[in-house]
Amino acid sequence: MSTTDLIGTELTPTETDLLAAYDALRALLASDDLPPCAAAGVRAALAPLAVVVTDLGLRFEHLTDLGV
């Protein structure tokens, strides 16, 4: 996991936690054994967190590439 944002600034502990939550949800979504209701819930949770991660400049990626 990266310790800096997209412009090279060190992450704060809160930013690190947000990025870890984002990565955990992405990993869950990548799992093939999620029931449909769980997959839908993970997508629903991931979308607004992706906005936060992008707005803070922690990561930039399109969720459509992940199927969200």
C-alpha atoms as a PDB file:
ATOM      1  CA  MET A   1       0.000   0.000   0.000  1.00  0.00           C
ATOM      2  CA  SER A   2       1.181   3.490  -0.835  1.00  0.00           C
ATOM      3  CA  THR A   3       2.301   5.819   1.942  1.00  0.00           C
ATOM      4  CA  THR A   4       1.876   8.971  -0.157  1.00  0.00           C
ATOM      5  CA  ASP A   5      -0.945  10.590  -2.072  1.00  0.00           C
ATOM      6  CA  LEU A   6      -0.884  11.198  -5.828  1.00  0.00           C
ATOM      7  CA  ILE A   7       1.332  14.286  -5.489  1.00  0.00           C
ATOM      8  CA  GLY A   8       3.762  12.687  -3.060  1.00  0.00           C
ATOM      9  CA  THR A   9       2.511  14.035   0.281  1.00  0.00           C
ATOM     10  CA  GLU A  10       2.680  11.606   3.191  1.00  0.00           C
ATOM     11  CA  LEU A  11      -0.682  10.159   4.166  1.00  0.00           C
ATOM     12  CA  THR A  12      -2.225  11.054   7.496  1.00  0.00           C
ATOM     13  CA  PRO A  13      -3.433   8.206   9.723  1.00  0.00           C
ATOM     14  CA  THR A  14      -7.021   8.982   8.696  1.00  0.00           C
ATOM     15  CA  GLU A  15      -6.144   8.905   5.001  1.00  0.00           C
ATOM     16  CA  THR A  16      -4.366   5.599   5.524  1.00  0.00           C
ATOM     17  CA  ASP A  17      -7.506   4.187   7.186  1.00  0.00           C
ATOM     18  CA  LEU A  18      -9.734   5.446   4.371  1.00  0.00           C
ATOM     19  CA  LEU A  19      -7.464   3.912   1.750  1.00  0.00           C
ATOM     20  CA  ALA A  20      -7.371   0.620   3.657  1.00  0.00           C
ATOM     21  CA  ALA A  21     -11.188   0.540   3.795  1.00  0.00           C
ATOM     22  CA  TYR A  22     -11.345   1.289   0.070  1.00  0.00           C
ATOM     23  CA  ASP A  23      -8.852  -1.482  -0.714  1.00  0.00           C
ATOM     24  CA  ALA A  24     -10.727  -3.939   1.511  1.00  0.00           C
ATOM     25  CA  LEU A  25     -13.991  -3.241  -0.311  1.00  0.00           C
ATOM     26  CA  ARG A  26     -12.264  -3.584  -3.686  1.00  0.00           C
ATOM     27  CA  ALA A  27     -10.863  -6.940  -2.599  1.00  0.00           C
ATOM     28  CA  LEU A  28     -14.293  -8.111  -1.480  1.00  0.00           C
ATOM     29  CA  LEU A  29     -15.787  -7.058  -4.796  1.00  0.00           C
ATOM     30  CA  ALA A  30     -13.127  -9.030  -6.653  1.00  0.00           C
ATOM     31  CA  SER A  31     -14.133 -12.167  -4.760  1.00  0.00           C
ATOM     32  CA  ASP A  32     -16.139 -14.528  -6.917  1.00  0.00           C
ATOM     33  CA  ASP A  33     -17.916 -16.207  -4.029  1.00  0.00           C
ATOM     34  CA  LEU A  34     -20.024 -13.266  -2.804  1.00  0.00           C
ATOM     35  CA  PRO A  35     -23.775 -13.811  -2.857  1.00  0.00           C
ATOM     36  CA  PRO A  36     -25.570 -11.310  -5.108  1.00  0.00           C
ATOM     37  CA  CYS A  37     -26.958  -9.310  -2.184  1.00  0.00           C
ATOM     38  CA  ALA A  38     -23.473  -9.001  -0.648  1.00  0.00           C
ATOM     39  CA  ALA A  39     -21.921  -7.982  -3.968  1.00  0.00           C
ATOM     40  CA  ALA A  40     -24.592  -5.295  -4.376  1.00  0.00           C
ATOM     41  CA  GLY A  41     -23.968  -4.008  -0.860  1.00  0.00           C
ATOM     42  CA  VAL A  42     -20.211  -3.894  -1.373  1.00  0.00           C
ATOM     43  CA  ARG A  43     -20.676  -1.956  -4.638  1.00  0.00           C
ATOM     44  CA  ALA A  44     -23.026   0.440  -2.852  1.00  0.00           C
ATOM     45  CA  ALA A  45     -20.454   1.029  -0.100  1.00  0.00           C
ATOM     46  CA  LEU A  46     -17.507   1.288  -2.465  1.00  0.00           C
ATOM     47  CA  ALA A  47     -18.934   3.994  -4.721  1.00  0.00           C
ATOM     48  CA  PRO A  48     -19.102   6.883  -2.195  1.00  0.00           C
ATOM     49  CA  LEU A  49     -15.814   5.843  -0.610  1.00  0.00           C
ATOM     50  CA  ALA A  50     -14.223   5.985  -4.060  1.00  0.00           C
ATOM     51  CA  VAL A  51     -15.359   9.604  -4.334  1.00  0.00           C
ATOM     52  CA  VAL A  52     -13.630  10.395  -1.031  1.00  0.00           C
ATOM     53  CA  VAL A  53     -10.414   8.608  -2.035  1.00  0.00           C
ATOM     54  CA  THR A  54     -10.386  10.399  -5.398  1.00  0.00           C
ATOM     55  CA  ASP A  55     -11.202  13.815  -3.915  1.00  0.00           C
ATOM     56  CA  LEU A  56      -8.361  13.454  -1.414  1.00  0.00           C
ATOM     57  CA  GLY A  57      -5.986  12.485  -4.215  1.00  0.00           C
ATOM     58  CA  LEU A  58      -5.171   9.138  -2.633  1.00  0.00           C
ATOM     59  CA  ARG A  59      -5.923   7.102  -5.725  1.00  0.00           C
ATOM     60  CA  PHE A  60      -7.413   7.714  -9.138  1.00  0.00           C
ATOM     61  CA  GLU A  61      -9.191   4.941 -10.958  1.00  0.00           C
ATOM     62  CA  HIS A  62     -12.511   4.481 -12.671  1.00  0.00           C
ATOM     63  CA  LEU A  63     -14.908   2.217 -10.807  1.00  0.00           C
ATOM     64  CA  THR A  64     -16.480   1.230 -14.106  1.00  0.00           C
ATOM     65  CA  ASP A  65     -13.255  -0.677 -14.743  1.00  0.00           C
ATOM     66  CA  LEU A  66     -14.098  -2.688 -11.616  1.00  0.00           C
ATOM     67  CA  GLY A  67     -17.716  -3.233 -12.608  1.00  0.00           C
ATOM     68  CA  VAL A  68     -19.154  -0.724 -10.136  1.00  0.00           C
END
